[in-house]
Amino acid sequence: MKKLLLQRYKKSERFNHWVVAGCFVLLAISGLGFFYPSFFWLTEVFGSPQLARILHPFIGVVMFLGFFIQFFRYVKFNFFERDDLKWLLGIRHILVGREIGDTGKYNAGQKIMFWVMTISMALLLLSGLIAWRQYFSGYFPIWVVRIALLVHSASAILLIVGIIIHVYAALWIKGTIPAMVEGVVTQEWAKKHHPRWYREMMAKKEARTQQNSGSQTNE
């Protein structure tokens, strides 16, 4: 029996997501190489440590621009609502597969991750620009650059931890990965994990069907 599908992400959204994800991996590899001497060998992925140091900030700018697009696409879905508190209070039930609350496109956990990523990205950009030796660091006193490097490192660690949790959750909840690879989810998945979003999508689908039927009748 063929499963009924709903579109969750468009091609442009998926492309943007994977560009940001790819940049994050490259930045994490080079950043860990710079931060931890025992991981310095990771910089060889770029060909040489010198090239890694040159490319790191440019890749960071690309990642921020990609996330900037994502932010304005999804921010309207990530404001906290009353049902989010119910979701958080019922986290024990959620961990065993029982959904709590009338969840929209994103649940409370996803919303928290969204804002953690937003704050981390903003801090990484600001501190990264201040510490970018080739172009900007000369405009700031050394103590400001040192604080920027500290903020940059702390924000990077926060983002890495957040992404690890994000990836684990995506793997743990079956059906989530295809949403960002193929752009679709089954109606059963949507109804179980995001019931309010499911109803909204089905209402839009029904409205389009009725509109098309009306157009054909008029013809």
C-alpha atoms as a PDB file:
ATOM      1  CA  MET A   1       0.000   0.000   0.000  1.00  0.00           C
ATOM      2  CA  LYS A   2       1.424   3.356  -1.049  1.00  0.00           C
ATOM      3  CA  LYS A   3       2.004   5.777   1.815  1.00  0.00           C
ATOM      4  CA  LEU A   4       0.437   9.217   1.575  1.00  0.00           C
ATOM      5  CA  LEU A   5       3.064  11.952   1.749  1.00  0.00           C
ATOM      6  CA  LEU A   6       3.215  15.597   2.767  1.00  0.00           C
ATOM      7  CA  GLN A   7       5.868  18.053   1.656  1.00  0.00           C
ATOM      8  CA  ARG A   8       7.840  19.341   4.627  1.00  0.00           C
ATOM      9  CA  TYR A   9      10.746  21.098   2.904  1.00  0.00           C
ATOM     10  CA  LYS A  10      11.189  22.496  -0.601  1.00  0.00           C
ATOM     11  CA  LYS A  11      14.306  21.854  -2.705  1.00  0.00           C
ATOM     12  CA  SER A  12      15.675  25.322  -1.964  1.00  0.00           C
ATOM     13  CA  GLU A  13      15.258  24.744   1.773  1.00  0.00           C
ATOM     14  CA  ARG A  14      17.020  21.394   1.633  1.00  0.00           C
ATOM     15  CA  PHE A  15      19.866  22.788  -0.478  1.00  0.00           C
ATOM     16  CA  ASN A  16      20.318  25.657   1.963  1.00  0.00           C
ATOM     17  CA  HIS A  17      20.276  23.260   4.930  1.00  0.00           C
ATOM     18  CA  TRP A  18      22.978  21.021   3.486  1.00  0.00           C
ATOM     19  CA  VAL A  19      25.185  23.980   2.540  1.00  0.00           C
ATOM     20  CA  VAL A  20      25.038  25.166   6.162  1.00  0.00           C
ATOM     21  CA  ALA A  21      25.635  21.608   7.399  1.00  0.00           C
ATOM     22  CA  GLY A  22      28.639  21.140   5.093  1.00  0.00           C
ATOM     23  CA  CYS A  23      30.148  24.448   6.190  1.00  0.00           C
ATOM     24  CA  PHE A  24      29.612  23.488   9.824  1.00  0.00           C
ATOM     25  CA  VAL A  25      31.530  20.225   9.376  1.00  0.00           C
ATOM     26  CA  LEU A  26      34.473  22.011   7.738  1.00  0.00           C
ATOM     27  CA  LEU A  27      34.484  24.707  10.409  1.00  0.00           C
ATOM     28  CA  ALA A  28      34.284  22.169  13.236  1.00  0.00           C
ATOM     29  CA  ILE A  29      37.199  20.196  11.759  1.00  0.00           C
ATOM     30  CA  SER A  30      39.433  23.231  11.335  1.00  0.00           C
ATOM     31  CA  GLY A  31      38.302  24.868  14.571  1.00  0.00           C
ATOM     32  CA  LEU A  32      39.034  21.795  16.669  1.00  0.00           C
ATOM     33  CA  GLY A  33      42.424  21.594  14.984  1.00  0.00           C
ATOM     34  CA  PHE A  34      43.217  25.161  16.023  1.00  0.00           C
ATOM     35  CA  PHE A  35      41.810  24.841  19.545  1.00  0.00           C
ATOM     36  CA  TYR A  36      43.192  21.454  20.645  1.00  0.00           C
ATOM     37  CA  PRO A  37      46.848  20.629  19.860  1.00  0.00           C
ATOM     38  CA  SER A  38      46.032  16.902  19.803  1.00  0.00           C
ATOM     39  CA  PHE A  39      43.544  17.576  16.965  1.00  0.00           C
ATOM     40  CA  PHE A  40      45.904  19.745  14.933  1.00  0.00           C
ATOM     41  CA  TRP A  41      46.219  16.962  12.357  1.00  0.00           C
ATOM     42  CA  LEU A  42      42.613  17.686  11.316  1.00  0.00           C
ATOM     43  CA  THR A  43      43.827  20.822   9.553  1.00  0.00           C
ATOM     44  CA  GLU A  44      45.496  18.564   6.982  1.00  0.00           C
ATOM     45  CA  VAL A  45      42.015  17.906   5.586  1.00  0.00           C
ATOM     46  CA  PHE A  46      42.373  21.311   3.914  1.00  0.00           C
ATOM     47  CA  GLY A  47      45.801  20.483   2.490  1.00  0.00           C
ATOM     48  CA  SER A  48      47.847  22.386   5.065  1.00  0.00           C
ATOM     49  CA  PRO A  49      47.336  24.200   8.391  1.00  0.00           C
ATOM     50  CA  GLN A  50      48.015  27.524   6.675  1.00  0.00           C
ATOM     51  CA  LEU A  51      45.288  26.952   4.101  1.00  0.00           C
ATOM     52  CA  ALA A  52      42.897  25.823   6.829  1.00  0.00           C
ATOM     53  CA  ARG A  53      43.508  29.087   8.714  1.00  0.00           C
ATOM     54  CA  ILE A  54      42.877  31.138   5.568  1.00  0.00           C
ATOM     55  CA  LEU A  55      39.702  29.270   4.574  1.00  0.00           C
ATOM     56  CA  HIS A  56      38.161  28.993   8.056  1.00  0.00           C
ATOM     57  CA  PRO A  57      36.738  32.545   8.273  1.00  0.00           C
ATOM     58  CA  PHE A  58      35.518  32.572   4.662  1.00  0.00           C
ATOM     59  CA  ILE A  59      33.638  29.303   5.198  1.00  0.00           C
ATOM     60  CA  GLY A  60      32.251  30.847   8.374  1.00  0.00           C
ATOM     61  CA  VAL A  61      30.806  33.764   6.410  1.00  0.00           C
ATOM     62  CA  VAL A  62      29.142  31.345   3.959  1.00  0.00           C
ATOM     63  CA  MET A  63      27.666  29.363   6.867  1.00  0.00           C
ATOM     64  CA  PHE A  64      26.319  32.508   8.492  1.00  0.00           C
ATOM     65  CA  LEU A  65      24.723  33.724   5.246  1.00  0.00           C
ATOM     66  CA  GLY A  66      23.080  30.321   4.792  1.00  0.00           C
ATOM     67  CA  PHE A  67      21.795  30.345   8.358  1.00  0.00           C
ATOM     68  CA  PHE A  68      20.647  33.948   7.932  1.00  0.00           C
ATOM     69  CA  ILE A  69      18.340  32.732   5.145  1.00  0.00           C
ATOM     70  CA  GLN A  70      17.151  29.846   7.316  1.00  0.00           C
ATOM     71  CA  PHE A  71      16.446  32.176  10.230  1.00  0.00           C
ATOM     72  CA  PHE A  72      14.015  34.333   8.285  1.00  0.00           C
ATOM     73  CA  ARG A  73      12.395  31.284   6.725  1.00  0.00           C
ATOM     74  CA  TYR A  74      11.672  29.542  10.025  1.00  0.00           C
ATOM     75  CA  VAL A  75      11.589  32.164  12.773  1.00  0.00           C
ATOM     76  CA  LYS A  76       7.785  32.495  12.539  1.00  0.00           C
ATOM     77  CA  PHE A  77       7.453  28.800  13.431  1.00  0.00           C
ATOM     78  CA  ASN A  78       9.808  28.986  16.415  1.00  0.00           C
ATOM     79  CA  PHE A  79       8.127  31.330  18.861  1.00  0.00           C
ATOM     80  CA  PHE A  80       7.185  29.567  22.088  1.00  0.00           C
ATOM     81  CA  GLU A  81       3.539  28.773  22.822  1.00  0.00           C
ATOM     82  CA  ARG A  82       1.567  27.300  25.698  1.00  0.00           C
ATOM     83  CA  ASP A  83       1.674  23.792  24.221  1.00  0.00           C
ATOM     84  CA  ASP A  84       5.476  23.941  24.258  1.00  0.00           C
ATOM     85  CA  LEU A  85       5.452  24.025  28.056  1.00  0.00           C
ATOM     86  CA  LYS A  86       3.221  20.943  28.039  1.00  0.00           C
ATOM     87  CA  TRP A  87       5.729  19.258  25.699  1.00  0.00           C
ATOM     88  CA  LEU A  88       8.657  20.079  27.980  1.00  0.00           C
ATOM     89  CA  LEU A  89       6.849  18.917  31.110  1.00  0.00           C
ATOM     90  CA  GLY A  90       6.007  15.652  29.348  1.00  0.00           C
ATOM     91  CA  ILE A  91       9.550  14.967  28.140  1.00  0.00           C
ATOM     92  CA  ARG A  92       9.628  11.593  29.949  1.00  0.00           C
ATOM     93  CA  HIS A  93       6.689  10.386  27.887  1.00  0.00           C
ATOM     94  CA  ILE A  94       8.180  11.789  24.696  1.00  0.00           C
ATOM     95  CA  LEU A  95      11.427   9.901  25.248  1.00  0.00           C
ATOM     96  CA  VAL A  96       9.503   6.618  25.194  1.00  0.00           C
ATOM     97  CA  GLY A  97       7.654   7.542  21.999  1.00  0.00           C
ATOM     98  CA  ARG A  98       4.451   9.095  23.336  1.00  0.00           C
ATOM     99  CA  GLU A  99       3.820  12.559  21.912  1.00  0.00           C
ATOM    100  CA  ILE A 100       2.499  15.308  24.176  1.00  0.00           C
ATOM    101  CA  GLY A 101       0.610  18.456  23.214  1.00  0.00           C
ATOM    102  CA  ASP A 102      -0.780  19.860  19.994  1.00  0.00           C
ATOM    103  CA  THR A 103       2.553  20.453  18.259  1.00  0.00           C
ATOM    104  CA  GLY A 104       2.849  22.719  15.242  1.00  0.00           C
ATOM    105  CA  LYS A 105       5.605  22.528  12.629  1.00  0.00           C
ATOM    106  CA  TYR A 106       8.279  22.386  15.340  1.00  0.00           C
ATOM    107  CA  ASN A 107       8.166  21.075  18.899  1.00  0.00           C
ATOM    108  CA  ALA A 108       9.654  22.789  21.961  1.00  0.00           C
ATOM    109  CA  GLY A 109      12.936  20.885  21.657  1.00  0.00           C
ATOM    110  CA  GLN A 110      13.374  21.980  18.062  1.00  0.00           C
ATOM    111  CA  LYS A 111      12.540  25.561  19.009  1.00  0.00           C
ATOM    112  CA  ILE A 112      15.155  25.555  21.769  1.00  0.00           C
ATOM    113  CA  MET A 113      17.687  24.226  19.267  1.00  0.00           C
ATOM    114  CA  PHE A 114      16.731  26.948  16.796  1.00  0.00           C
ATOM    115  CA  TRP A 115      17.421  29.713  19.306  1.00  0.00           C
ATOM    116  CA  VAL A 116      20.610  28.074  20.599  1.00  0.00           C
ATOM    117  CA  MET A 117      21.876  27.960  17.013  1.00  0.00           C
ATOM    118  CA  THR A 118      20.781  31.543  16.382  1.00  0.00           C
ATOM    119  CA  ILE A 119      22.583  32.886  19.454  1.00  0.00           C
ATOM    120  CA  SER A 120      25.671  30.771  18.730  1.00  0.00           C
ATOM    121  CA  MET A 121      25.799  31.921  15.106  1.00  0.00           C
ATOM    122  CA  ALA A 122      25.470  35.578  16.079  1.00  0.00           C
ATOM    123  CA  LEU A 123      28.260  35.307  18.663  1.00  0.00           C
ATOM    124  CA  LEU A 124      30.473  33.352  16.268  1.00  0.00           C
ATOM    125  CA  LEU A 125      30.050  35.969  13.559  1.00  0.00           C
ATOM    126  CA  LEU A 126      30.711  38.951  15.824  1.00  0.00           C
ATOM    127  CA  SER A 127      33.678  37.402  17.632  1.00  0.00           C
ATOM    128  CA  GLY A 128      35.034  35.906  14.405  1.00  0.00           C
ATOM    129  CA  LEU A 129      35.068  39.260  12.641  1.00  0.00           C
ATOM    130  CA  ILE A 130      36.899  40.877  15.574  1.00  0.00           C
ATOM    131  CA  ALA A 131      39.500  38.098  15.618  1.00  0.00           C
ATOM    132  CA  TRP A 132      39.908  37.922  11.812  1.00  0.00           C
ATOM    133  CA  ARG A 133      43.561  38.896  11.773  1.00  0.00           C
ATOM    134  CA  GLN A 134      43.906  39.566   8.052  1.00  0.00           C
ATOM    135  CA  TYR A 135      41.167  42.192   7.904  1.00  0.00           C
ATOM    136  CA  PHE A 136      39.687  43.372  11.210  1.00  0.00           C
ATOM    137  CA  SER A 137      41.657  42.455  14.327  1.00  0.00           C
ATOM    138  CA  GLY A 138      44.050  45.379  13.827  1.00  0.00           C
ATOM    139  CA  TYR A 139      41.216  47.792  14.574  1.00  0.00           C
ATOM    140  CA  PHE A 140      40.756  46.427  18.106  1.00  0.00           C
ATOM    141  CA  PRO A 141      42.989  46.420  21.212  1.00  0.00           C
ATOM    142  CA  ILE A 142      44.527  43.050  22.048  1.00  0.00           C
ATOM    143  CA  TRP A 143      42.313  42.518  25.105  1.00  0.00           C
ATOM    144  CA  VAL A 144      39.198  42.812  22.936  1.00  0.00           C
ATOM    145  CA  VAL A 145      40.624  40.281  20.468  1.00  0.00           C
ATOM    146  CA  ARG A 146      41.389  37.875  23.329  1.00  0.00           C
ATOM    147  CA  ILE A 147      37.846  38.164  24.687  1.00  0.00           C
ATOM    148  CA  ALA A 148      36.519  37.639  21.160  1.00  0.00           C
ATOM    149  CA  LEU A 149      38.570  34.461  20.810  1.00  0.00           C
ATOM    150  CA  LEU A 150      37.226  33.205  24.142  1.00  0.00           C
ATOM    151  CA  VAL A 151      33.631  33.964  23.103  1.00  0.00           C
ATOM    152  CA  HIS A 152      34.272  32.373  19.706  1.00  0.00           C
ATOM    153  CA  SER A 153      35.554  29.153  21.271  1.00  0.00           C
ATOM    154  CA  ALA A 154      32.730  28.933  23.819  1.00  0.00           C
ATOM    155  CA  SER A 155      30.095  29.601  21.146  1.00  0.00           C
ATOM    156  CA  ALA A 156      31.646  26.985  18.859  1.00  0.00           C
ATOM    157  CA  ILE A 157      31.558  24.360  21.612  1.00  0.00           C
ATOM    158  CA  LEU A 158      27.918  25.231  22.367  1.00  0.00           C
ATOM    159  CA  LEU A 159      27.036  24.926  18.681  1.00  0.00           C
ATOM    160  CA  ILE A 160      28.882  21.617  18.272  1.00  0.00           C
ATOM    161  CA  VAL A 161      27.060  20.136  21.285  1.00  0.00           C
ATOM    162  CA  GLY A 162      23.766  21.446  19.936  1.00  0.00           C
ATOM    163  CA  ILE A 163      24.366  19.958  16.485  1.00  0.00           C
ATOM    164  CA  ILE A 164      25.277  16.581  18.011  1.00  0.00           C
ATOM    165  CA  ILE A 165      21.942  16.594  19.880  1.00  0.00           C
ATOM    166  CA  HIS A 166      20.182  17.736  16.694  1.00  0.00           C
ATOM    167  CA  VAL A 167      21.652  14.888  14.638  1.00  0.00           C
ATOM    168  CA  TYR A 168      20.948  12.316  17.362  1.00  0.00           C
ATOM    169  CA  ALA A 169      17.303  13.420  17.592  1.00  0.00           C
ATOM    170  CA  ALA A 170      16.967  13.247  13.801  1.00  0.00           C
ATOM    171  CA  LEU A 171      18.303   9.678  13.806  1.00  0.00           C
ATOM    172  CA  TRP A 172      16.259   8.672  16.834  1.00  0.00           C
ATOM    173  CA  ILE A 173      12.898   9.798  15.444  1.00  0.00           C
ATOM    174  CA  LYS A 174      12.326   7.568  12.449  1.00  0.00           C
ATOM    175  CA  GLY A 175      11.187   9.474   9.375  1.00  0.00           C
ATOM    176  CA  THR A 176      12.968  12.724  10.205  1.00  0.00           C
ATOM    177  CA  ILE A 177      16.009  12.218   7.942  1.00  0.00           C
ATOM    178  CA  PRO A 178      13.918  11.648   4.764  1.00  0.00           C
ATOM    179  CA  ALA A 179      12.223  14.978   5.470  1.00  0.00           C
ATOM    180  CA  MET A 180      15.480  16.837   4.850  1.00  0.00           C
ATOM    181  CA  VAL A 181      16.799  14.454   2.167  1.00  0.00           C
ATOM    182  CA  GLU A 182      13.671  13.927   0.074  1.00  0.00           C
ATOM    183  CA  GLY A 183      11.561  16.793   1.396  1.00  0.00           C
ATOM    184  CA  VAL A 184       8.549  14.685   2.330  1.00  0.00           C
ATOM    185  CA  VAL A 185       7.100  12.860   5.343  1.00  0.00           C
ATOM    186  CA  THR A 186       4.255  10.390   5.622  1.00  0.00           C
ATOM    187  CA  GLN A 187       0.905  11.642   6.829  1.00  0.00           C
ATOM    188  CA  GLU A 188       1.133   9.152   9.708  1.00  0.00           C
ATOM    189  CA  TRP A 189       4.461  10.659  10.811  1.00  0.00           C
ATOM    190  CA  ALA A 190       3.099  14.193  10.613  1.00  0.00           C
ATOM    191  CA  LYS A 191      -0.080  13.304  12.500  1.00  0.00           C
ATOM    192  CA  LYS A 192       1.899  11.627  15.287  1.00  0.00           C
ATOM    193  CA  HIS A 193       4.747  14.111  15.781  1.00  0.00           C
ATOM    194  CA  HIS A 194       3.252  17.424  14.583  1.00  0.00           C
ATOM    195  CA  PRO A 195      -0.556  17.089  14.760  1.00  0.00           C
ATOM    196  CA  ARG A 196      -1.399  20.792  14.422  1.00  0.00           C
ATOM    197  CA  TRP A 197       0.923  21.178  11.444  1.00  0.00           C
ATOM    198  CA  TYR A 198      -0.651  18.036   9.949  1.00  0.00           C
ATOM    199  CA  ARG A 199      -4.138  19.531  10.243  1.00  0.00           C
ATOM    200  CA  GLU A 200      -2.965  22.811   8.713  1.00  0.00           C
ATOM    201  CA  MET A 201      -1.366  21.011   5.763  1.00  0.00           C
ATOM    202  CA  MET A 202      -4.409  18.817   5.206  1.00  0.00           C
ATOM    203  CA  ALA A 203      -6.688  21.878   5.317  1.00  0.00           C
ATOM    204  CA  LYS A 204      -4.523  23.590   2.679  1.00  0.00           C
ATOM    205  CA  LYS A 205      -4.527  20.431   0.577  1.00  0.00           C
ATOM    206  CA  GLU A 206      -8.308  20.168   0.786  1.00  0.00           C
ATOM    207  CA  ALA A 207      -8.697  23.864  -0.093  1.00  0.00           C
ATOM    208  CA  ARG A 208      -6.515  23.404  -3.192  1.00  0.00           C
ATOM    209  CA  THR A 209      -8.532  20.352  -4.208  1.00  0.00           C
ATOM    210  CA  GLN A 210     -11.801  22.236  -3.875  1.00  0.00           C
ATOM    211  CA  GLN A 211     -10.362  25.185  -5.788  1.00  0.00           C
ATOM    212  CA  ASN A 212      -9.226  22.929  -8.627  1.00  0.00           C
ATOM    213  CA  SER A 213     -12.598  21.172  -8.679  1.00  0.00           C
ATOM    214  CA  GLY A 214     -14.357  24.527  -8.846  1.00  0.00           C
ATOM    215  CA  SER A 215     -12.138  25.659 -11.718  1.00  0.00           C
ATOM    216  CA  GLN A 216     -12.838  22.490 -13.684  1.00  0.00           C
ATOM    217  CA  THR A 217     -16.599  22.861 -13.062  1.00  0.00           C
ATOM    218  CA  ASN A 218     -16.569  26.441 -14.358  1.00  0.00           C
ATOM    219  CA  GLU A 219     -14.792  25.302 -17.496  1.00  0.00           C
END
